[in-house]
Amino acid sequence: MPKPFCPDWATALLNGFSQVLLQRHPLCGLCCLLAILLCAPQSLGGALLGAAIGLLTAQRCGYPREHREAGLFSYNGVLIGLLFSHWLPLNLTLPLLIMAASGLSSLLVARWLAVCARPTCLPAYTAPFVLTGWAGWALGWAVTPGGSTPQSFALSDALTGLGQVFLLASPMAGALVLLGLWLANRRAALWALAGSATGLAFAWLQGEPPLPGLYGFNVALAALAFSAQPLRAATALVLALLLQPGFASLPLPALTAPFILACWLVKASARLLHGEPALHRQRQTP
């Protein structure tokens, strides 16, 4: 029997990072981890802590091993750790908040999996992360990001859009994320890059350029979710694109809400119009 890429716990953690991109691939997760290390080392501890607490909570509660190893209980914790590390100062309270929120996200995913066991049910995606982020915003934890807005559209902006999936406004981070996607699924990598570029081009053509990459990552994720089905990937891409201005007008940060709603609309429409089961994708989503 060939030796695994790494021990089970390490594989589960790496899969948690790759599941942010809807993939189950340790090398993809390693590329994402490297992107955080190089571009936001101050957030790496929060991301690892969130992933570990999500995994440990699932293990403690006896949730299915295959789901734990797939990273399904860790990826929301990764995003929560990154978000809280971005919003809050480094003090003794920060790790406690990350631990509490990541553990809760693991419980929410488990409950979602139990209630929505049928393949035609809507996946959770990053809903626990969004709900946690909105709660933190309501409590006044968020800080307004700084930075300049792009005045032209370039490939580096599309890469930055991919980096923003992990709250990293850096083309280097986006390049590493793209590399990880390419290792996991080349078609998914192309759809993600196309989604990010489309979102940023749309914002630029509207004359309202956002902070670097912020219009690209939701569209990239929506395209990723249906990368095995080109028509539905394009539909999700357009829906995420159209939903973003509406979420931007709300007194809450959009985070990944446009991506989630766009995917839910595509899946619900397929079920209502065609009576089809959930799409077969590279990963089993919660």
C-alpha atoms as a PDB file:
ATOM      1  CA  MET A   1       0.000   0.000   0.000  1.00  0.00           C
ATOM      2  CA  PRO A   2       1.466   3.404  -0.939  1.00  0.00           C
ATOM      3  CA  LYS A   3       2.210   5.809   1.870  1.00  0.00           C
ATOM      4  CA  PRO A   4      -0.224   8.727   2.249  1.00  0.00           C
ATOM      5  CA  PHE A   5       0.839  12.239   1.371  1.00  0.00           C
ATOM      6  CA  CYS A   6       1.008  13.046   5.067  1.00  0.00           C
ATOM      7  CA  PRO A   7      -0.568  11.847   8.340  1.00  0.00           C
ATOM      8  CA  ASP A   8      -4.353  11.835   8.486  1.00  0.00           C
ATOM      9  CA  TRP A   9      -4.645  14.885  10.714  1.00  0.00           C
ATOM     10  CA  ALA A  10      -2.348  16.915   8.468  1.00  0.00           C
ATOM     11  CA  THR A  11      -4.218  15.754   5.365  1.00  0.00           C
ATOM     12  CA  ALA A  12      -7.504  16.787   6.966  1.00  0.00           C
ATOM     13  CA  LEU A  13      -6.140  20.251   7.783  1.00  0.00           C
ATOM     14  CA  LEU A  14      -4.754  20.743   4.279  1.00  0.00           C
ATOM     15  CA  ASN A  15      -8.032  19.550   2.810  1.00  0.00           C
ATOM     16  CA  GLY A  16      -9.737  22.171   4.964  1.00  0.00           C
ATOM     17  CA  PHE A  17      -7.738  24.878   3.192  1.00  0.00           C
ATOM     18  CA  SER A  18      -8.468  23.399  -0.234  1.00  0.00           C
ATOM     19  CA  GLN A  19     -12.174  23.071   0.573  1.00  0.00           C
ATOM     20  CA  VAL A  20     -12.362  26.858   0.699  1.00  0.00           C
ATOM     21  CA  LEU A  21     -11.933  26.466  -3.074  1.00  0.00           C
ATOM     22  CA  LEU A  22     -14.411  23.538  -3.198  1.00  0.00           C
ATOM     23  CA  GLN A  23     -11.623  21.025  -3.755  1.00  0.00           C
ATOM     24  CA  ARG A  24     -10.369  18.045  -1.803  1.00  0.00           C
ATOM     25  CA  HIS A  25      -6.665  18.059  -2.552  1.00  0.00           C
ATOM     26  CA  PRO A  26      -3.839  18.333   0.036  1.00  0.00           C
ATOM     27  CA  LEU A  27      -1.393  19.928  -2.424  1.00  0.00           C
ATOM     28  CA  CYS A  28      -3.971  22.558  -3.274  1.00  0.00           C
ATOM     29  CA  GLY A  29      -4.388  23.221   0.442  1.00  0.00           C
ATOM     30  CA  LEU A  30      -0.615  23.453   0.824  1.00  0.00           C
ATOM     31  CA  CYS A  31      -0.471  26.131  -1.893  1.00  0.00           C
ATOM     32  CA  CYS A  32      -3.193  28.100  -0.101  1.00  0.00           C
ATOM     33  CA  LEU A  33      -1.327  27.758   3.181  1.00  0.00           C
ATOM     34  CA  LEU A  34       1.844  29.005   1.496  1.00  0.00           C
ATOM     35  CA  ALA A  35      -0.056  31.990   0.081  1.00  0.00           C
ATOM     36  CA  ILE A  36      -1.118  33.020   3.586  1.00  0.00           C
ATOM     37  CA  LEU A  37       2.380  32.461   4.972  1.00  0.00           C
ATOM     38  CA  LEU A  38       4.032  34.648   2.331  1.00  0.00           C
ATOM     39  CA  CYS A  39       1.397  37.381   1.980  1.00  0.00           C
ATOM     40  CA  ALA A  40      -0.183  37.636   5.448  1.00  0.00           C
ATOM     41  CA  PRO A  41       2.008  35.790   7.975  1.00  0.00           C
ATOM     42  CA  GLN A  42       0.227  37.577  10.826  1.00  0.00           C
ATOM     43  CA  SER A  43      -2.981  35.750   9.865  1.00  0.00           C
ATOM     44  CA  LEU A  44      -1.482  32.276   9.483  1.00  0.00           C
ATOM     45  CA  GLY A  45      -1.891  31.387  13.144  1.00  0.00           C
ATOM     46  CA  GLY A  46      -5.570  32.344  13.087  1.00  0.00           C
ATOM     47  CA  ALA A  47      -6.226  30.289   9.961  1.00  0.00           C
ATOM     48  CA  LEU A  48      -4.480  27.210  11.382  1.00  0.00           C
ATOM     49  CA  LEU A  49      -6.208  27.618  14.736  1.00  0.00           C
ATOM     50  CA  GLY A  50      -9.633  27.894  13.101  1.00  0.00           C
ATOM     51  CA  ALA A  51      -9.026  24.821  10.959  1.00  0.00           C
ATOM     52  CA  ALA A  52      -7.700  22.791  13.890  1.00  0.00           C
ATOM     53  CA  ILE A  53     -10.561  23.711  16.219  1.00  0.00           C
ATOM     54  CA  GLY A  54     -13.139  22.843  13.565  1.00  0.00           C
ATOM     55  CA  LEU A  55     -11.483  19.460  13.084  1.00  0.00           C
ATOM     56  CA  LEU A  56     -11.055  18.768  16.808  1.00  0.00           C
ATOM     57  CA  THR A  57     -14.668  19.703  17.503  1.00  0.00           C
ATOM     58  CA  ALA A  58     -15.833  17.270  14.841  1.00  0.00           C
ATOM     59  CA  GLN A  59     -13.563  14.548  16.219  1.00  0.00           C
ATOM     60  CA  ARG A  60     -14.715  15.163  19.775  1.00  0.00           C
ATOM     61  CA  CYS A  61     -18.358  14.958  18.715  1.00  0.00           C
ATOM     62  CA  GLY A  62     -17.740  11.751  16.770  1.00  0.00           C
ATOM     63  CA  TYR A  63     -18.740  13.081  13.374  1.00  0.00           C
ATOM     64  CA  PRO A  64     -18.065  10.803  10.362  1.00  0.00           C
ATOM     65  CA  ARG A  65     -14.368  10.248   9.738  1.00  0.00           C
ATOM     66  CA  GLU A  66     -14.699  10.598   5.962  1.00  0.00           C
ATOM     67  CA  HIS A  67     -16.170  14.077   6.406  1.00  0.00           C
ATOM     68  CA  ARG A  68     -13.442  15.072   8.840  1.00  0.00           C
ATOM     69  CA  GLU A  69     -10.680  13.865   6.545  1.00  0.00           C
ATOM     70  CA  ALA A  70     -12.291  15.663   3.600  1.00  0.00           C
ATOM     71  CA  GLY A  71     -11.919  18.969   5.450  1.00  0.00           C
ATOM     72  CA  LEU A  72     -15.649  19.649   5.627  1.00  0.00           C
ATOM     73  CA  PHE A  73     -15.466  20.728   9.272  1.00  0.00           C
ATOM     74  CA  SER A  74     -12.333  22.857   8.845  1.00  0.00           C
ATOM     75  CA  TYR A  75     -12.741  25.234   5.909  1.00  0.00           C
ATOM     76  CA  ASN A  76     -15.163  27.617   7.627  1.00  0.00           C
ATOM     77  CA  GLY A  77     -12.722  27.760  10.518  1.00  0.00           C
ATOM     78  CA  VAL A  78      -9.943  28.740   8.104  1.00  0.00           C
ATOM     79  CA  LEU A  79     -11.969  31.693   6.848  1.00  0.00           C
ATOM     80  CA  ILE A  80     -13.102  32.678  10.339  1.00  0.00           C
ATOM     81  CA  GLY A  81      -9.521  32.675  11.570  1.00  0.00           C
ATOM     82  CA  LEU A  82      -8.417  34.822   8.637  1.00  0.00           C
ATOM     83  CA  LEU A  83     -11.306  37.261   9.041  1.00  0.00           C
ATOM     84  CA  PHE A  84     -10.896  37.721  12.780  1.00  0.00           C
ATOM     85  CA  SER A  85      -7.134  38.112  12.398  1.00  0.00           C
ATOM     86  CA  HIS A  86      -7.828  40.808   9.796  1.00  0.00           C
ATOM     87  CA  TRP A  87     -10.437  42.615  11.863  1.00  0.00           C
ATOM     88  CA  LEU A  88      -9.193  42.348  15.443  1.00  0.00           C
ATOM     89  CA  PRO A  89      -5.930  43.297  17.160  1.00  0.00           C
ATOM     90  CA  LEU A  90      -3.610  40.567  18.329  1.00  0.00           C
ATOM     91  CA  ASN A  91      -4.361  39.961  22.002  1.00  0.00           C
ATOM     92  CA  LEU A  92      -5.480  37.170  24.310  1.00  0.00           C
ATOM     93  CA  THR A  93      -9.104  37.575  23.244  1.00  0.00           C
ATOM     94  CA  LEU A  94      -8.463  36.870  19.555  1.00  0.00           C
ATOM     95  CA  PRO A  95      -7.639  33.137  19.806  1.00  0.00           C
ATOM     96  CA  LEU A  96     -10.565  32.588  22.171  1.00  0.00           C
ATOM     97  CA  LEU A  97     -12.974  34.180  19.695  1.00  0.00           C
ATOM     98  CA  ILE A  98     -11.526  32.154  16.807  1.00  0.00           C
ATOM     99  CA  MET A  99     -11.834  28.948  18.811  1.00  0.00           C
ATOM    100  CA  ALA A 100     -15.426  29.628  19.835  1.00  0.00           C
ATOM    101  CA  ALA A 101     -16.570  30.661  16.362  1.00  0.00           C
ATOM    102  CA  SER A 102     -14.733  27.837  14.583  1.00  0.00           C
ATOM    103  CA  GLY A 103     -16.132  25.232  16.956  1.00  0.00           C
ATOM    104  CA  LEU A 104     -19.623  26.623  16.407  1.00  0.00           C
ATOM    105  CA  SER A 105     -19.142  26.530  12.633  1.00  0.00           C
ATOM    106  CA  SER A 106     -18.234  22.842  12.871  1.00  0.00           C
ATOM    107  CA  LEU A 107     -21.439  22.157  14.799  1.00  0.00           C
ATOM    108  CA  LEU A 108     -23.482  24.103  12.245  1.00  0.00           C
ATOM    109  CA  VAL A 109     -21.982  22.158   9.332  1.00  0.00           C
ATOM    110  CA  ALA A 110     -22.679  18.870  11.094  1.00  0.00           C
ATOM    111  CA  ARG A 111     -26.270  19.884  11.699  1.00  0.00           C
ATOM    112  CA  TRP A 112     -26.627  20.976   8.086  1.00  0.00           C
ATOM    113  CA  LEU A 113     -25.267  17.642   6.886  1.00  0.00           C
ATOM    114  CA  ALA A 114     -27.707  15.777   9.123  1.00  0.00           C
ATOM    115  CA  VAL A 115     -30.781  17.784   8.098  1.00  0.00           C
ATOM    116  CA  CYS A 116     -29.847  18.087   4.429  1.00  0.00           C
ATOM    117  CA  ALA A 117     -28.682  14.538   3.866  1.00  0.00           C
ATOM    118  CA  ARG A 118     -30.386  14.178   0.485  1.00  0.00           C
ATOM    119  CA  PRO A 119     -28.237  15.012  -2.550  1.00  0.00           C
ATOM    120  CA  THR A 120     -30.863  17.483  -3.788  1.00  0.00           C
ATOM    121  CA  CYS A 121     -30.579  19.656  -0.668  1.00  0.00           C
ATOM    122  CA  LEU A 122     -28.762  22.968  -0.767  1.00  0.00           C
ATOM    123  CA  PRO A 123     -25.138  22.779   0.464  1.00  0.00           C
ATOM    124  CA  ALA A 124     -23.975  24.963   3.320  1.00  0.00           C
ATOM    125  CA  TYR A 125     -20.954  26.265   1.395  1.00  0.00           C
ATOM    126  CA  THR A 126     -19.477  29.087   3.525  1.00  0.00           C
ATOM    127  CA  ALA A 127     -22.745  30.092   5.219  1.00  0.00           C
ATOM    128  CA  PRO A 128     -21.371  29.560   8.775  1.00  0.00           C
ATOM    129  CA  PHE A 129     -18.459  31.863   7.948  1.00  0.00           C
ATOM    130  CA  VAL A 130     -20.786  34.550   6.583  1.00  0.00           C
ATOM    131  CA  LEU A 131     -23.102  34.375   9.599  1.00  0.00           C
ATOM    132  CA  THR A 132     -20.123  34.619  11.937  1.00  0.00           C
ATOM    133  CA  GLY A 133     -18.729  37.578  10.012  1.00  0.00           C
ATOM    134  CA  TRP A 134     -22.058  39.388  10.109  1.00  0.00           C
ATOM    135  CA  ALA A 135     -22.325  38.795  13.853  1.00  0.00           C
ATOM    136  CA  GLY A 136     -18.841  40.225  14.319  1.00  0.00           C
ATOM    137  CA  TRP A 137     -19.696  43.234  12.166  1.00  0.00           C
ATOM    138  CA  ALA A 138     -22.842  43.868  14.223  1.00  0.00           C
ATOM    139  CA  LEU A 139     -20.705  43.806  17.371  1.00  0.00           C
ATOM    140  CA  GLY A 140     -18.392  46.421  15.883  1.00  0.00           C
ATOM    141  CA  TRP A 141     -15.354  44.228  15.395  1.00  0.00           C
ATOM    142  CA  ALA A 142     -14.675  45.154  11.774  1.00  0.00           C
ATOM    143  CA  VAL A 143     -12.216  47.755  10.574  1.00  0.00           C
ATOM    144  CA  THR A 144     -12.528  49.482   7.233  1.00  0.00           C
ATOM    145  CA  PRO A 145      -9.824  48.190   4.881  1.00  0.00           C
ATOM    146  CA  GLY A 146      -7.520  50.698   3.347  1.00  0.00           C
ATOM    147  CA  GLY A 147      -5.812  50.760  -0.011  1.00  0.00           C
ATOM    148  CA  SER A 148      -6.044  52.326  -3.440  1.00  0.00           C
ATOM    149  CA  THR A 149      -8.497  51.430  -6.144  1.00  0.00           C
ATOM    150  CA  PRO A 150      -7.275  50.141  -9.497  1.00  0.00           C
ATOM    151  CA  GLN A 151      -7.443  52.543 -12.421  1.00  0.00           C
ATOM    152  CA  SER A 152      -7.011  49.914 -15.130  1.00  0.00           C
ATOM    153  CA  PHE A 153      -7.697  46.225 -15.588  1.00  0.00           C
ATOM    154  CA  ALA A 154      -4.839  43.735 -15.797  1.00  0.00           C
ATOM    155  CA  LEU A 155      -4.103  40.067 -15.201  1.00  0.00           C
ATOM    156  CA  SER A 156      -2.643  40.932 -11.814  1.00  0.00           C
ATOM    157  CA  ASP A 157      -6.063  42.236 -10.756  1.00  0.00           C
ATOM    158  CA  ALA A 158      -7.668  38.906 -11.697  1.00  0.00           C
ATOM    159  CA  LEU A 159      -5.041  37.075  -9.647  1.00  0.00           C
ATOM    160  CA  THR A 160      -5.706  39.426  -6.752  1.00  0.00           C
ATOM    161  CA  GLY A 161      -9.366  38.445  -6.997  1.00  0.00           C
ATOM    162  CA  LEU A 162      -8.374  34.811  -6.405  1.00  0.00           C
ATOM    163  CA  GLY A 163      -6.204  35.851  -3.474  1.00  0.00           C
ATOM    164  CA  GLN A 164      -9.170  37.659  -1.943  1.00  0.00           C
ATOM    165  CA  VAL A 165     -10.865  34.293  -1.424  1.00  0.00           C
ATOM    166  CA  PHE A 166      -8.444  34.096   1.526  1.00  0.00           C
ATOM    167  CA  LEU A 167      -8.645  37.859   2.255  1.00  0.00           C
ATOM    168  CA  LEU A 168      -5.257  38.374   0.591  1.00  0.00           C
ATOM    169  CA  ALA A 169      -5.047  41.440  -1.647  1.00  0.00           C
ATOM    170  CA  SER A 170      -1.950  40.217  -3.445  1.00  0.00           C
ATOM    171  CA  PRO A 171      -1.313  38.929  -6.978  1.00  0.00           C
ATOM    172  CA  MET A 172       1.287  36.561  -5.534  1.00  0.00           C
ATOM    173  CA  ALA A 173      -1.344  35.023  -3.276  1.00  0.00           C
ATOM    174  CA  GLY A 174      -3.680  34.697  -6.240  1.00  0.00           C
ATOM    175  CA  ALA A 175      -0.975  33.009  -8.289  1.00  0.00           C
ATOM    176  CA  LEU A 176      -0.405  30.438  -5.533  1.00  0.00           C
ATOM    177  CA  VAL A 177      -4.159  29.845  -5.218  1.00  0.00           C
ATOM    178  CA  LEU A 178      -4.352  29.374  -8.987  1.00  0.00           C
ATOM    179  CA  LEU A 179      -1.430  26.929  -8.837  1.00  0.00           C
ATOM    180  CA  GLY A 180      -3.218  24.928  -6.170  1.00  0.00           C
ATOM    181  CA  LEU A 181      -6.375  24.825  -8.254  1.00  0.00           C
ATOM    182  CA  TRP A 182      -4.391  23.776 -11.315  1.00  0.00           C
ATOM    183  CA  LEU A 183      -2.902  20.856  -9.368  1.00  0.00           C
ATOM    184  CA  ALA A 184      -6.346  19.816  -8.152  1.00  0.00           C
ATOM    185  CA  ASN A 185      -8.465  20.413 -11.256  1.00  0.00           C
ATOM    186  CA  ARG A 186      -7.330  22.310 -14.349  1.00  0.00           C
ATOM    187  CA  ARG A 187     -10.860  23.006 -15.538  1.00  0.00           C
ATOM    188  CA  ALA A 188     -11.744  24.446 -12.139  1.00  0.00           C
ATOM    189  CA  ALA A 189      -8.639  26.645 -12.243  1.00  0.00           C
ATOM    190  CA  LEU A 190      -9.628  28.096 -15.609  1.00  0.00           C
ATOM    191  CA  TRP A 191     -13.192  28.762 -14.480  1.00  0.00           C
ATOM    192  CA  ALA A 192     -11.950  30.448 -11.301  1.00  0.00           C
ATOM    193  CA  LEU A 193      -9.608  32.733 -13.223  1.00  0.00           C
ATOM    194  CA  ALA A 194     -12.343  33.533 -15.742  1.00  0.00           C
ATOM    195  CA  GLY A 195     -14.775  34.315 -12.926  1.00  0.00           C
ATOM    196  CA  SER A 196     -12.355  36.635 -11.158  1.00  0.00           C
ATOM    197  CA  ALA A 197     -11.488  38.436 -14.392  1.00  0.00           C
ATOM    198  CA  THR A 198     -15.169  38.826 -15.309  1.00  0.00           C
ATOM    199  CA  GLY A 199     -16.064  40.292 -11.937  1.00  0.00           C
ATOM    200  CA  LEU A 200     -13.236  42.799 -12.001  1.00  0.00           C
ATOM    201  CA  ALA A 201     -13.881  43.757 -15.633  1.00  0.00           C
ATOM    202  CA  PHE A 202     -17.549  44.361 -14.840  1.00  0.00           C
ATOM    203  CA  ALA A 203     -16.656  46.652 -11.927  1.00  0.00           C
ATOM    204  CA  TRP A 204     -14.130  48.532 -14.036  1.00  0.00           C
ATOM    205  CA  LEU A 205     -16.585  49.026 -16.909  1.00  0.00           C
ATOM    206  CA  GLN A 206     -19.146  50.393 -14.471  1.00  0.00           C
ATOM    207  CA  GLY A 207     -16.675  53.066 -13.464  1.00  0.00           C
ATOM    208  CA  GLU A 208     -16.751  51.970  -9.834  1.00  0.00           C
ATOM    209  CA  PRO A 209     -13.489  50.105  -9.317  1.00  0.00           C
ATOM    210  CA  PRO A 210     -13.421  48.337  -5.937  1.00  0.00           C
ATOM    211  CA  LEU A 211     -10.505  47.682  -3.691  1.00  0.00           C
ATOM    212  CA  PRO A 212      -8.131  45.275  -5.437  1.00  0.00           C
ATOM    213  CA  GLY A 213      -9.843  41.981  -6.174  1.00  0.00           C
ATOM    214  CA  LEU A 214     -12.998  42.489  -4.134  1.00  0.00           C
ATOM    215  CA  TYR A 215     -15.307  42.134  -7.135  1.00  0.00           C
ATOM    216  CA  GLY A 216     -13.621  38.974  -8.343  1.00  0.00           C
ATOM    217  CA  PHE A 217     -13.629  36.366  -5.603  1.00  0.00           C
ATOM    218  CA  ASN A 218     -17.377  35.743  -5.296  1.00  0.00           C
ATOM    219  CA  VAL A 219     -17.694  35.319  -9.050  1.00  0.00           C
ATOM    220  CA  ALA A 220     -14.672  33.014  -9.071  1.00  0.00           C
ATOM    221  CA  LEU A 221     -16.164  30.840  -6.320  1.00  0.00           C
ATOM    222  CA  ALA A 222     -19.529  30.657  -8.065  1.00  0.00           C
ATOM    223  CA  ALA A 223     -17.867  29.498 -11.280  1.00  0.00           C
ATOM    224  CA  LEU A 224     -15.787  27.000  -9.307  1.00  0.00           C
ATOM    225  CA  ALA A 225     -18.848  25.413  -7.717  1.00  0.00           C
ATOM    226  CA  PHE A 226     -20.179  24.283 -11.112  1.00  0.00           C
ATOM    227  CA  SER A 227     -16.951  23.970 -13.062  1.00  0.00           C
ATOM    228  CA  ALA A 228     -17.918  20.459 -14.187  1.00  0.00           C
ATOM    229  CA  GLN A 229     -21.076  21.846 -15.862  1.00  0.00           C
ATOM    230  CA  PRO A 230     -20.147  24.789 -18.152  1.00  0.00           C
ATOM    231  CA  LEU A 231     -23.685  26.117 -18.663  1.00  0.00           C
ATOM    232  CA  ARG A 232     -24.444  26.186 -14.982  1.00  0.00           C
ATOM    233  CA  ALA A 233     -21.008  27.554 -14.169  1.00  0.00           C
ATOM    234  CA  ALA A 234     -21.687  30.459 -16.527  1.00  0.00           C
ATOM    235  CA  THR A 235     -25.135  30.958 -14.980  1.00  0.00           C
ATOM    236  CA  ALA A 236     -23.738  31.009 -11.450  1.00  0.00           C
ATOM    237  CA  LEU A 237     -21.006  33.392 -12.581  1.00  0.00           C
ATOM    238  CA  VAL A 238     -23.540  35.859 -13.991  1.00  0.00           C
ATOM    239  CA  LEU A 239     -25.806  35.579 -10.947  1.00  0.00           C
ATOM    240  CA  ALA A 240     -22.944  36.264  -8.543  1.00  0.00           C
ATOM    241  CA  LEU A 241     -21.957  39.217 -10.684  1.00  0.00           C
ATOM    242  CA  LEU A 242     -25.463  40.694 -10.598  1.00  0.00           C
ATOM    243  CA  LEU A 243     -25.979  40.029  -6.896  1.00  0.00           C
ATOM    244  CA  GLN A 244     -22.862  41.857  -5.744  1.00  0.00           C
ATOM    245  CA  PRO A 245     -24.173  45.438  -6.114  1.00  0.00           C
ATOM    246  CA  GLY A 246     -27.218  44.537  -4.041  1.00  0.00           C
ATOM    247  CA  PHE A 247     -25.135  43.104  -1.231  1.00  0.00           C
ATOM    248  CA  ALA A 248     -22.779  46.075  -1.459  1.00  0.00           C
ATOM    249  CA  SER A 249     -25.703  48.382  -0.667  1.00  0.00           C
ATOM    250  CA  LEU A 250     -26.454  46.565   2.600  1.00  0.00           C
ATOM    251  CA  PRO A 251     -25.037  47.805   5.930  1.00  0.00           C
ATOM    252  CA  LEU A 252     -23.124  44.532   6.224  1.00  0.00           C
ATOM    253  CA  PRO A 253     -19.998  43.192   4.521  1.00  0.00           C
ATOM    254  CA  ALA A 254     -20.959  40.899   1.646  1.00  0.00           C
ATOM    255  CA  LEU A 255     -18.161  38.408   2.361  1.00  0.00           C
ATOM    256  CA  THR A 256     -19.058  35.277   0.332  1.00  0.00           C
ATOM    257  CA  ALA A 257     -22.845  35.796   0.466  1.00  0.00           C
ATOM    258  CA  PRO A 258     -23.216  36.552  -3.301  1.00  0.00           C
ATOM    259  CA  PHE A 259     -21.445  33.288  -4.105  1.00  0.00           C
ATOM    260  CA  ILE A 260     -23.680  31.298  -1.765  1.00  0.00           C
ATOM    261  CA  LEU A 261     -26.936  32.809  -3.000  1.00  0.00           C
ATOM    262  CA  ALA A 262     -25.950  32.457  -6.658  1.00  0.00           C
ATOM    263  CA  CYS A 263     -25.157  28.756  -6.186  1.00  0.00           C
ATOM    264  CA  TRP A 264     -28.345  28.144  -4.232  1.00  0.00           C
ATOM    265  CA  LEU A 265     -30.378  29.770  -6.995  1.00  0.00           C
ATOM    266  CA  VAL A 266     -28.736  27.609  -9.663  1.00  0.00           C
ATOM    267  CA  LYS A 267     -29.239  24.399  -7.693  1.00  0.00           C
ATOM    268  CA  ALA A 268     -32.811  25.243  -6.699  1.00  0.00           C
ATOM    269  CA  SER A 269     -33.684  26.174 -10.285  1.00  0.00           C
ATOM    270  CA  ALA A 270     -32.259  22.894 -11.588  1.00  0.00           C
ATOM    271  CA  ARG A 271     -34.307  20.971  -9.055  1.00  0.00           C
ATOM    272  CA  LEU A 272     -37.545  22.846  -9.754  1.00  0.00           C
ATOM    273  CA  LEU A 273     -37.283  23.000 -13.525  1.00  0.00           C
ATOM    274  CA  HIS A 274     -35.753  19.649 -14.296  1.00  0.00           C
ATOM    275  CA  GLY A 275     -36.142  17.592 -11.154  1.00  0.00           C
ATOM    276  CA  GLU A 276     -32.436  16.737 -11.340  1.00  0.00           C
ATOM    277  CA  PRO A 277     -30.326  15.587  -8.415  1.00  0.00           C
ATOM    278  CA  ALA A 278     -27.502  17.704  -7.120  1.00  0.00           C
ATOM    279  CA  LEU A 279     -24.576  18.048  -9.452  1.00  0.00           C
ATOM    280  CA  HIS A 280     -21.714  15.606  -9.092  1.00  0.00           C
ATOM    281  CA  ARG A 281     -18.630  17.623  -8.207  1.00  0.00           C
ATOM    282  CA  GLN A 282     -15.109  16.929  -7.188  1.00  0.00           C
ATOM    283  CA  ARG A 283     -15.903  17.243  -3.525  1.00  0.00           C
ATOM    284  CA  GLN A 284     -18.802  16.354  -1.270  1.00  0.00           C
ATOM    285  CA  THR A 285     -20.034  19.701  -0.051  1.00  0.00           C
ATOM    286  CA  PRO A 286     -21.882  20.194   3.211  1.00  0.00           C
END
